[in-house]
Amino acid sequence: MNIQELEEKLKTEGVIDVYWSIPGHFIPGADWWLEQSKNKSWLVYYQDERGNKHTIKTFISEDEACEFFYNYVIEKYKDERPDIL
């Protein structure tokens, strides 16, 4: 899965976009983030209300990062918004 496919899948699942931020879909107040670092690795993290980053996992490949991010966000979103999914 790539970034474009990830975005499509999250939107198809109805995950409100203020919960997640990915390259090309920047949401400043999002909780869950997927970013590519300067060294080209992929970083999945949670950003708290104070803007502190809490690393969840790092990846070398975009595919693995996107798969993990999708599954992680869906699980967390269901926990927070069980009436939605």
C-alpha atoms as a PDB file:
ATOM      1  CA  MET A   1       0.000   0.000   0.000  1.00  0.00           C
ATOM      2  CA  ASN A   2       1.237   3.511  -0.715  1.00  0.00           C
ATOM      3  CA  ILE A   3       0.253   6.899   0.713  1.00  0.00           C
ATOM      4  CA  GLN A   4      -2.496   7.511  -1.864  1.00  0.00           C
ATOM      5  CA  GLU A   5      -4.040   4.087  -1.259  1.00  0.00           C
ATOM      6  CA  LEU A   6      -3.818   4.623   2.494  1.00  0.00           C
ATOM      7  CA  GLU A   7      -5.666   7.917   2.258  1.00  0.00           C
ATOM      8  CA  GLU A   8      -8.398   6.371   0.103  1.00  0.00           C
ATOM      9  CA  LYS A   9      -8.851   3.428   2.487  1.00  0.00           C
ATOM     10  CA  LEU A  10      -9.086   5.648   5.580  1.00  0.00           C
ATOM     11  CA  LYS A  11     -11.663   7.861   3.884  1.00  0.00           C
ATOM     12  CA  THR A  12     -13.617   4.816   2.646  1.00  0.00           C
ATOM     13  CA  GLU A  13     -13.740   3.485   6.226  1.00  0.00           C
ATOM     14  CA  GLY A  14     -15.151   6.842   7.355  1.00  0.00           C
ATOM     15  CA  VAL A  15     -12.278   7.750   9.665  1.00  0.00           C
ATOM     16  CA  ILE A  16     -12.674  11.474  10.223  1.00  0.00           C
ATOM     17  CA  ASP A  17      -9.590  13.149   8.819  1.00  0.00           C
ATOM     18  CA  VAL A  18      -8.910  15.317  11.861  1.00  0.00           C
ATOM     19  CA  TYR A  19      -7.684  12.128  13.581  1.00  0.00           C
ATOM     20  CA  TRP A  20      -4.856  11.354  11.142  1.00  0.00           C
ATOM     21  CA  SER A  21      -2.175  13.102   9.155  1.00  0.00           C
ATOM     22  CA  ILE A  22      -0.045  11.672   6.342  1.00  0.00           C
ATOM     23  CA  PRO A  23       2.191  13.194   3.660  1.00  0.00           C
ATOM     24  CA  GLY A  24      -0.026  15.190   1.320  1.00  0.00           C
ATOM     25  CA  HIS A  25      -2.837  15.300   3.883  1.00  0.00           C
ATOM     26  CA  PHE A  26      -1.487  17.564   6.630  1.00  0.00           C
ATOM     27  CA  ILE A  27      -3.829  18.089   9.585  1.00  0.00           C
ATOM     28  CA  PRO A  28      -2.074  20.137  12.330  1.00  0.00           C
ATOM     29  CA  GLY A  29      -4.168  18.895  15.261  1.00  0.00           C
ATOM     30  CA  ALA A  30      -4.281  15.232  14.266  1.00  0.00           C
ATOM     31  CA  ASP A  31      -3.681  12.505  16.848  1.00  0.00           C
ATOM     32  CA  TRP A  32      -1.981   9.893  14.644  1.00  0.00           C
ATOM     33  CA  TRP A  33       0.768  10.727  12.188  1.00  0.00           C
ATOM     34  CA  LEU A  34       2.728   9.023   9.444  1.00  0.00           C
ATOM     35  CA  GLU A  35       5.771  10.920   8.223  1.00  0.00           C
ATOM     36  CA  GLN A  36       8.843  10.195   6.183  1.00  0.00           C
ATOM     37  CA  SER A  37      11.992  11.394   7.914  1.00  0.00           C
ATOM     38  CA  LYS A  38      15.022  13.024   6.326  1.00  0.00           C
ATOM     39  CA  ASN A  39      16.808   9.661   6.282  1.00  0.00           C
ATOM     40  CA  LYS A  40      13.852   8.228   4.270  1.00  0.00           C
ATOM     41  CA  SER A  41      12.531   5.991   7.053  1.00  0.00           C
ATOM     42  CA  TRP A  42       8.841   6.140   7.933  1.00  0.00           C
ATOM     43  CA  LEU A  43       7.670   7.173  11.399  1.00  0.00           C
ATOM     44  CA  VAL A  44       4.307   6.415  12.983  1.00  0.00           C
ATOM     45  CA  TYR A  45       3.596   8.452  16.091  1.00  0.00           C
ATOM     46  CA  TYR A  46       0.917   9.863  18.362  1.00  0.00           C
ATOM     47  CA  GLN A  47       0.887  13.598  18.971  1.00  0.00           C
ATOM     48  CA  ASP A  48      -0.612  14.672  22.278  1.00  0.00           C
ATOM     49  CA  GLU A  49      -2.550  17.870  22.969  1.00  0.00           C
ATOM     50  CA  ARG A  50       0.696  19.695  23.827  1.00  0.00           C
ATOM     51  CA  GLY A  51       2.299  18.763  20.522  1.00  0.00           C
ATOM     52  CA  ASN A  52       4.637  16.141  21.976  1.00  0.00           C
ATOM     53  CA  LYS A  53       5.448  13.257  19.619  1.00  0.00           C
ATOM     54  CA  HIS A  54       5.267   9.715  20.996  1.00  0.00           C
ATOM     55  CA  THR A  55       6.866   7.283  18.552  1.00  0.00           C
ATOM     56  CA  ILE A  56       4.893   4.109  18.013  1.00  0.00           C
ATOM     57  CA  LYS A  57       6.990   2.437  15.329  1.00  0.00           C
ATOM     58  CA  THR A  58       9.443   3.147  12.513  1.00  0.00           C
ATOM     59  CA  PHE A  59       9.698   1.450   9.124  1.00  0.00           C
ATOM     60  CA  ILE A  60      12.034   1.306   6.169  1.00  0.00           C
ATOM     61  CA  SER A  61       9.372   0.672   3.528  1.00  0.00           C
ATOM     62  CA  GLU A  62       6.367   2.806   2.660  1.00  0.00           C
ATOM     63  CA  ASP A  63       4.250  -0.310   2.167  1.00  0.00           C
ATOM     64  CA  GLU A  64       4.877  -1.659   5.683  1.00  0.00           C
ATOM     65  CA  ALA A  65       4.410   1.772   7.226  1.00  0.00           C
ATOM     66  CA  CYS A  66       1.098   2.339   5.447  1.00  0.00           C
ATOM     67  CA  GLU A  67      -0.245  -1.119   6.330  1.00  0.00           C
ATOM     68  CA  PHE A  68       0.665  -0.663   9.989  1.00  0.00           C
ATOM     69  CA  PHE A  69      -0.707   2.899  10.100  1.00  0.00           C
ATOM     70  CA  TYR A  70      -4.007   1.853   8.519  1.00  0.00           C
ATOM     71  CA  ASN A  71      -4.548  -1.033  10.940  1.00  0.00           C
ATOM     72  CA  TYR A  72      -3.447   1.043  13.927  1.00  0.00           C
ATOM     73  CA  VAL A  73      -5.692   3.998  13.110  1.00  0.00           C
ATOM     74  CA  ILE A  74      -8.710   1.777  12.399  1.00  0.00           C
ATOM     75  CA  GLU A  75      -8.256   0.000  15.740  1.00  0.00           C
ATOM     76  CA  LYS A  76      -7.814   3.230  17.707  1.00  0.00           C
ATOM     77  CA  TYR A  77     -10.676   4.929  15.902  1.00  0.00           C
ATOM     78  CA  LYS A  78     -13.028   2.039  16.673  1.00  0.00           C
ATOM     79  CA  ASP A  79     -12.032   2.278  20.344  1.00  0.00           C
ATOM     80  CA  GLU A  80     -12.798   5.988  20.438  1.00  0.00           C
ATOM     81  CA  ARG A  81     -15.762   6.055  18.075  1.00  0.00           C
ATOM     82  CA  PRO A  82     -17.412   2.602  18.199  1.00  0.00           C
ATOM     83  CA  ASP A  83     -20.670   4.028  16.848  1.00  0.00           C
ATOM     84  CA  ILE A  84     -18.953   5.043  13.597  1.00  0.00           C
ATOM     85  CA  LEU A  85     -17.359   1.786  12.378  1.00  0.00           C
END
